[in-house]
Amino acid sequence: MRLLIDHNLSPSLASILQDIYPDSIHVYAIGLEESDDLVVWEYARTNGFVIVTKDADYLTIGARLGHPPKVVRIGLGNCPTSIVADLLRVQRDELLRFYEDEHGAFIELR
């Protein structure tokens, strides 16, 4: 499972999580940090990424367009990047089940 980390999360997450989410990238690394959510959505869909974001707008996009891509929403307020990384590490098994579920489109982690 490859993660596409949205602009509202730290670019360092991609490198911090490479050991368990290889080939994950941040939108900054591909020049999409200021792109519209639909552009990010299409990039993730076309390239086989799961979007990780704090943005609830992707739920609306997913309801309209369906999946892929799948979306992981981080439901934490302002917190250190280490807390977000720990959450994604601790929830890895849950995320893998979500990823493999052909009907699942959106999950929120807290």
N, C-alpha and C. Protein backbone atom coordinates (compact mmCIF):
# COMPACT_ATOMS: atom_id res chain seq x y z
N MET A 1 0.85 -1.17 0.00
CA MET A 1 0.00 0.00 0.00
C MET A 1 0.89 1.23 0.00
N ARG A 2 0.69 2.06 -1.01
CA ARG A 2 1.47 3.30 -1.14
C ARG A 2 0.59 4.48 -0.75
N LEU A 3 1.13 5.34 0.11
CA LEU A 3 0.38 6.50 0.59
C LEU A 3 0.78 7.75 -0.18
N LEU A 4 -0.22 8.55 -0.52
CA LEU A 4 0.00 9.89 -1.06
C LEU A 4 -0.42 10.85 0.04
N ILE A 5 0.53 11.50 0.66
CA ILE A 5 0.28 12.34 1.83
C ILE A 5 -0.05 13.74 1.37
N ASP A 6 -1.20 14.22 1.82
CA ASP A 6 -1.73 15.51 1.40
C ASP A 6 -0.95 16.68 2.02
N HIS A 7 -1.17 17.84 1.46
CA HIS A 7 -0.43 19.06 1.85
C HIS A 7 -0.64 19.48 3.30
N ASN A 8 -1.74 19.04 3.92
CA ASN A 8 -2.01 19.46 5.29
C ASN A 8 -1.29 18.59 6.33
N LEU A 9 -0.45 17.69 5.86
CA LEU A 9 0.39 16.88 6.73
C LEU A 9 1.85 17.10 6.35
N SER A 10 2.73 16.83 7.27
CA SER A 10 4.16 17.11 7.07
C SER A 10 4.76 16.28 5.93
N PRO A 11 5.57 16.92 5.09
CA PRO A 11 6.29 16.19 4.05
C PRO A 11 7.21 15.10 4.61
N SER A 12 7.64 15.25 5.84
CA SER A 12 8.55 14.25 6.42
C SER A 12 7.87 12.92 6.70
N LEU A 13 6.54 12.88 6.72
CA LEU A 13 5.83 11.62 6.98
C LEU A 13 6.20 10.54 5.96
N ALA A 14 6.34 10.92 4.72
CA ALA A 14 6.66 9.92 3.68
C ALA A 14 7.97 9.20 4.00
N SER A 15 8.98 9.94 4.39
CA SER A 15 10.26 9.28 4.69
C SER A 15 10.22 8.56 6.03
N ILE A 16 9.53 9.11 7.00
CA ILE A 16 9.41 8.46 8.32
C ILE A 16 8.74 7.09 8.20
N LEU A 17 7.81 6.97 7.27
CA LEU A 17 7.00 5.74 7.15
C LEU A 17 7.46 4.79 6.05
N GLN A 18 8.59 5.08 5.40
CA GLN A 18 9.05 4.23 4.28
C GLN A 18 9.22 2.77 4.67
N ASP A 19 9.57 2.49 5.92
CA ASP A 19 9.81 1.10 6.31
C ASP A 19 8.53 0.26 6.30
N ILE A 20 7.38 0.87 6.55
CA ILE A 20 6.14 0.09 6.55
C ILE A 20 5.18 0.47 5.42
N TYR A 21 5.39 1.63 4.81
CA TYR A 21 4.60 2.05 3.65
C TYR A 21 5.57 2.46 2.54
N PRO A 22 6.27 1.47 1.95
CA PRO A 22 7.28 1.81 0.93
C PRO A 22 6.68 2.53 -0.27
N ASP A 23 7.48 3.36 -0.88
CA ASP A 23 7.11 4.12 -2.08
C ASP A 23 6.01 5.15 -1.84
N SER A 24 5.77 5.48 -0.58
CA SER A 24 4.82 6.55 -0.26
C SER A 24 5.49 7.89 -0.52
N ILE A 25 4.68 8.88 -0.89
CA ILE A 25 5.21 10.20 -1.20
C ILE A 25 4.29 11.28 -0.66
N HIS A 26 4.83 12.46 -0.56
CA HIS A 26 4.06 13.64 -0.18
C HIS A 26 3.75 14.42 -1.46
N VAL A 27 2.62 15.10 -1.48
CA VAL A 27 2.25 15.87 -2.68
C VAL A 27 3.33 16.89 -3.04
N TYR A 28 4.06 17.37 -2.06
CA TYR A 28 5.14 18.32 -2.30
C TYR A 28 6.21 17.73 -3.22
N ALA A 29 6.50 16.45 -3.04
CA ALA A 29 7.56 15.79 -3.82
C ALA A 29 7.22 15.68 -5.30
N ILE A 30 5.94 15.80 -5.64
CA ILE A 30 5.53 15.69 -7.04
C ILE A 30 4.91 16.98 -7.56
N GLY A 31 5.11 18.07 -6.80
CA GLY A 31 4.66 19.38 -7.26
C GLY A 31 3.17 19.63 -7.16
N LEU A 32 2.47 18.88 -6.32
CA LEU A 32 1.01 19.04 -6.20
C LEU A 32 0.58 19.70 -4.88
N GLU A 33 1.54 20.29 -4.17
CA GLU A 33 1.21 20.83 -2.84
C GLU A 33 0.18 21.94 -2.86
N GLU A 34 0.03 22.63 -3.98
CA GLU A 34 -0.98 23.70 -4.05
C GLU A 34 -2.08 23.36 -5.04
N SER A 35 -2.15 22.12 -5.44
CA SER A 35 -3.14 21.70 -6.42
C SER A 35 -4.51 21.51 -5.79
N ASP A 36 -5.52 21.63 -6.61
CA ASP A 36 -6.89 21.37 -6.21
C ASP A 36 -7.02 19.91 -5.77
N ASP A 37 -7.94 19.65 -4.85
CA ASP A 37 -8.14 18.30 -4.34
C ASP A 37 -8.46 17.31 -5.47
N LEU A 38 -9.17 17.75 -6.49
CA LEU A 38 -9.51 16.86 -7.61
C LEU A 38 -8.26 16.44 -8.39
N VAL A 39 -7.28 17.32 -8.48
CA VAL A 39 -6.02 16.97 -9.15
C VAL A 39 -5.28 15.92 -8.33
N VAL A 40 -5.24 16.10 -7.02
CA VAL A 40 -4.59 15.13 -6.14
C VAL A 40 -5.34 13.79 -6.22
N TRP A 41 -6.65 13.85 -6.20
CA TRP A 41 -7.50 12.66 -6.32
C TRP A 41 -7.15 11.87 -7.60
N GLU A 42 -7.10 12.58 -8.70
CA GLU A 42 -6.83 11.93 -9.98
C GLU A 42 -5.42 11.34 -10.02
N TYR A 43 -4.45 12.05 -9.47
CA TYR A 43 -3.08 11.53 -9.42
C TYR A 43 -3.06 10.23 -8.62
N ALA A 44 -3.71 10.22 -7.46
CA ALA A 44 -3.75 9.02 -6.62
C ALA A 44 -4.45 7.87 -7.36
N ARG A 45 -5.55 8.16 -8.00
CA ARG A 45 -6.30 7.13 -8.73
C ARG A 45 -5.45 6.54 -9.85
N THR A 46 -4.86 7.39 -10.63
CA THR A 46 -4.08 6.96 -11.80
C THR A 46 -2.83 6.19 -11.40
N ASN A 47 -2.24 6.54 -10.27
CA ASN A 47 -0.95 5.96 -9.88
C ASN A 47 -1.02 4.97 -8.72
N GLY A 48 -2.22 4.60 -8.31
CA GLY A 48 -2.38 3.55 -7.31
C GLY A 48 -2.01 3.91 -5.89
N PHE A 49 -2.29 5.15 -5.49
CA PHE A 49 -2.01 5.60 -4.14
C PHE A 49 -3.28 5.64 -3.29
N VAL A 50 -3.11 5.56 -1.98
CA VAL A 50 -4.15 5.83 -0.99
C VAL A 50 -3.85 7.23 -0.47
N ILE A 51 -4.84 8.11 -0.49
CA ILE A 51 -4.66 9.48 0.00
C ILE A 51 -4.73 9.50 1.52
N VAL A 52 -3.77 10.15 2.15
CA VAL A 52 -3.79 10.38 3.60
C VAL A 52 -3.89 11.88 3.80
N THR A 53 -4.90 12.32 4.56
CA THR A 53 -5.20 13.74 4.65
C THR A 53 -5.87 14.07 5.98
N LYS A 54 -5.94 15.33 6.28
CA LYS A 54 -6.78 15.83 7.37
C LYS A 54 -8.03 16.50 6.79
N ASP A 55 -8.12 16.55 5.49
CA ASP A 55 -9.16 17.27 4.75
C ASP A 55 -10.42 16.42 4.59
N ALA A 56 -11.55 16.89 5.10
CA ALA A 56 -12.82 16.17 4.96
C ALA A 56 -13.41 16.29 3.56
N ASP A 57 -12.88 17.20 2.73
CA ASP A 57 -13.41 17.38 1.38
C ASP A 57 -13.30 16.11 0.54
N TYR A 58 -12.33 15.27 0.83
CA TYR A 58 -12.18 14.05 0.05
C TYR A 58 -13.36 13.09 0.24
N LEU A 59 -14.04 13.18 1.37
CA LEU A 59 -15.24 12.37 1.57
C LEU A 59 -16.31 12.76 0.55
N THR A 60 -16.48 14.05 0.33
CA THR A 60 -17.44 14.54 -0.65
C THR A 60 -17.04 14.12 -2.06
N ILE A 61 -15.78 14.24 -2.37
CA ILE A 61 -15.30 13.84 -3.69
C ILE A 61 -15.52 12.34 -3.90
N GLY A 62 -15.21 11.55 -2.88
CA GLY A 62 -15.39 10.11 -2.98
C GLY A 62 -16.85 9.71 -3.14
N ALA A 63 -17.74 10.42 -2.46
CA ALA A 63 -19.17 10.13 -2.60
C ALA A 63 -19.64 10.41 -4.03
N ARG A 64 -19.05 11.39 -4.65
CA ARG A 64 -19.44 11.77 -6.01
C ARG A 64 -18.77 10.89 -7.07
N LEU A 65 -17.48 10.59 -6.89
CA LEU A 65 -16.72 9.90 -7.93
C LEU A 65 -16.49 8.41 -7.66
N GLY A 66 -16.71 7.98 -6.43
CA GLY A 66 -16.41 6.60 -6.08
C GLY A 66 -14.91 6.40 -5.88
N HIS A 67 -14.54 5.15 -5.71
CA HIS A 67 -13.12 4.85 -5.52
C HIS A 67 -12.67 3.83 -6.53
N PRO A 68 -11.42 3.70 -6.85
CA PRO A 68 -10.29 4.31 -6.18
C PRO A 68 -10.16 5.80 -6.48
N PRO A 69 -9.36 6.51 -5.72
CA PRO A 69 -8.51 6.02 -4.64
C PRO A 69 -9.28 5.91 -3.33
N LYS A 70 -8.69 5.18 -2.44
CA LYS A 70 -9.20 5.12 -1.08
C LYS A 70 -8.62 6.32 -0.32
N VAL A 71 -9.32 6.72 0.75
CA VAL A 71 -8.89 7.89 1.51
C VAL A 71 -8.81 7.53 2.99
N VAL A 72 -7.69 7.92 3.61
CA VAL A 72 -7.50 7.80 5.05
C VAL A 72 -7.50 9.22 5.60
N ARG A 73 -8.48 9.52 6.43
CA ARG A 73 -8.53 10.85 7.06
C ARG A 73 -7.97 10.75 8.46
N ILE A 74 -7.04 11.62 8.76
CA ILE A 74 -6.46 11.70 10.10
C ILE A 74 -7.35 12.63 10.91
N GLY A 75 -8.05 12.08 11.88
CA GLY A 75 -9.01 12.84 12.67
C GLY A 75 -8.43 13.38 13.96
N LEU A 76 -7.22 13.87 13.90
CA LEU A 76 -6.56 14.48 15.06
C LEU A 76 -6.46 15.98 14.82
N GLY A 77 -6.52 16.74 15.88
CA GLY A 77 -6.29 18.17 15.75
C GLY A 77 -4.81 18.44 15.51
N ASN A 78 -4.40 19.67 15.73
CA ASN A 78 -2.98 20.00 15.58
C ASN A 78 -2.16 19.16 16.54
N CYS A 79 -1.18 18.49 16.00
CA CYS A 79 -0.33 17.64 16.82
C CYS A 79 1.00 17.44 16.10
N PRO A 80 2.00 16.98 16.81
CA PRO A 80 3.30 16.75 16.18
C PRO A 80 3.22 15.65 15.11
N THR A 81 4.09 15.74 14.14
CA THR A 81 4.18 14.75 13.08
C THR A 81 4.40 13.36 13.66
N SER A 82 5.15 13.28 14.73
CA SER A 82 5.43 11.98 15.35
C SER A 82 4.16 11.28 15.81
N ILE A 83 3.16 12.05 16.26
CA ILE A 83 1.89 11.47 16.69
C ILE A 83 1.14 10.88 15.49
N VAL A 84 1.14 11.60 14.38
CA VAL A 84 0.49 11.11 13.16
C VAL A 84 1.21 9.86 12.66
N ALA A 85 2.53 9.88 12.66
CA ALA A 85 3.30 8.71 12.23
C ALA A 85 3.01 7.51 13.13
N ASP A 86 2.97 7.74 14.43
CA ASP A 86 2.65 6.65 15.37
C ASP A 86 1.26 6.08 15.10
N LEU A 87 0.30 6.94 14.84
CA LEU A 87 -1.06 6.49 14.54
C LEU A 87 -1.07 5.60 13.29
N LEU A 88 -0.39 6.03 12.25
CA LEU A 88 -0.34 5.23 11.02
C LEU A 88 0.42 3.92 11.21
N ARG A 89 1.37 3.91 12.11
CA ARG A 89 2.08 2.66 12.43
C ARG A 89 1.19 1.71 13.23
N VAL A 90 0.59 2.22 14.27
CA VAL A 90 -0.24 1.39 15.16
C VAL A 90 -1.46 0.84 14.40
N GLN A 91 -1.98 1.61 13.49
CA GLN A 91 -3.19 1.21 12.75
C GLN A 91 -2.88 0.48 11.44
N ARG A 92 -1.66 0.06 11.23
CA ARG A 92 -1.26 -0.54 9.95
C ARG A 92 -2.13 -1.75 9.59
N ASP A 93 -2.38 -2.65 10.52
CA ASP A 93 -3.20 -3.83 10.21
C ASP A 93 -4.61 -3.43 9.80
N GLU A 94 -5.17 -2.46 10.50
CA GLU A 94 -6.51 -1.95 10.15
C GLU A 94 -6.48 -1.32 8.76
N LEU A 95 -5.44 -0.59 8.47
CA LEU A 95 -5.33 0.04 7.14
C LEU A 95 -5.16 -1.00 6.04
N LEU A 96 -4.44 -2.07 6.30
CA LEU A 96 -4.30 -3.13 5.30
C LEU A 96 -5.63 -3.81 5.04
N ARG A 97 -6.42 -4.06 6.09
CA ARG A 97 -7.76 -4.63 5.90
C ARG A 97 -8.63 -3.69 5.07
N PHE A 98 -8.56 -2.40 5.39
CA PHE A 98 -9.30 -1.39 4.64
C PHE A 98 -8.86 -1.38 3.18
N TYR A 99 -7.58 -1.43 2.94
CA TYR A 99 -7.03 -1.40 1.59
C TYR A 99 -7.50 -2.61 0.77
N GLU A 100 -7.57 -3.75 1.40
CA GLU A 100 -7.96 -4.98 0.71
C GLU A 100 -9.47 -5.13 0.55
N ASP A 101 -10.25 -4.34 1.26
CA ASP A 101 -11.70 -4.40 1.18
C ASP A 101 -12.15 -3.68 -0.09
N GLU A 102 -12.69 -4.41 -1.04
CA GLU A 102 -13.07 -3.80 -2.32
C GLU A 102 -14.19 -2.79 -2.19
N HIS A 103 -14.93 -2.81 -1.10
CA HIS A 103 -16.04 -1.88 -0.92
C HIS A 103 -15.66 -0.64 -0.10
N GLY A 104 -14.58 -0.73 0.68
CA GLY A 104 -14.17 0.39 1.53
C GLY A 104 -13.58 1.52 0.71
N ALA A 105 -14.00 2.73 1.01
CA ALA A 105 -13.51 3.89 0.27
C ALA A 105 -12.90 4.94 1.19
N PHE A 106 -13.32 4.97 2.45
CA PHE A 106 -12.94 6.05 3.35
C PHE A 106 -12.82 5.50 4.77
N ILE A 107 -11.76 5.87 5.45
CA ILE A 107 -11.61 5.50 6.85
C ILE A 107 -11.03 6.69 7.60
N GLU A 108 -11.47 6.86 8.83
CA GLU A 108 -10.93 7.93 9.67
C GLU A 108 -10.21 7.31 10.85
N LEU A 109 -9.00 7.78 11.09
CA LEU A 109 -8.19 7.30 12.22
C LEU A 109 -8.10 8.38 13.28
N ARG A 110 -8.21 7.98 14.52
CA ARG A 110 -8.10 8.89 15.67
C ARG A 110 -7.20 8.28 16.71
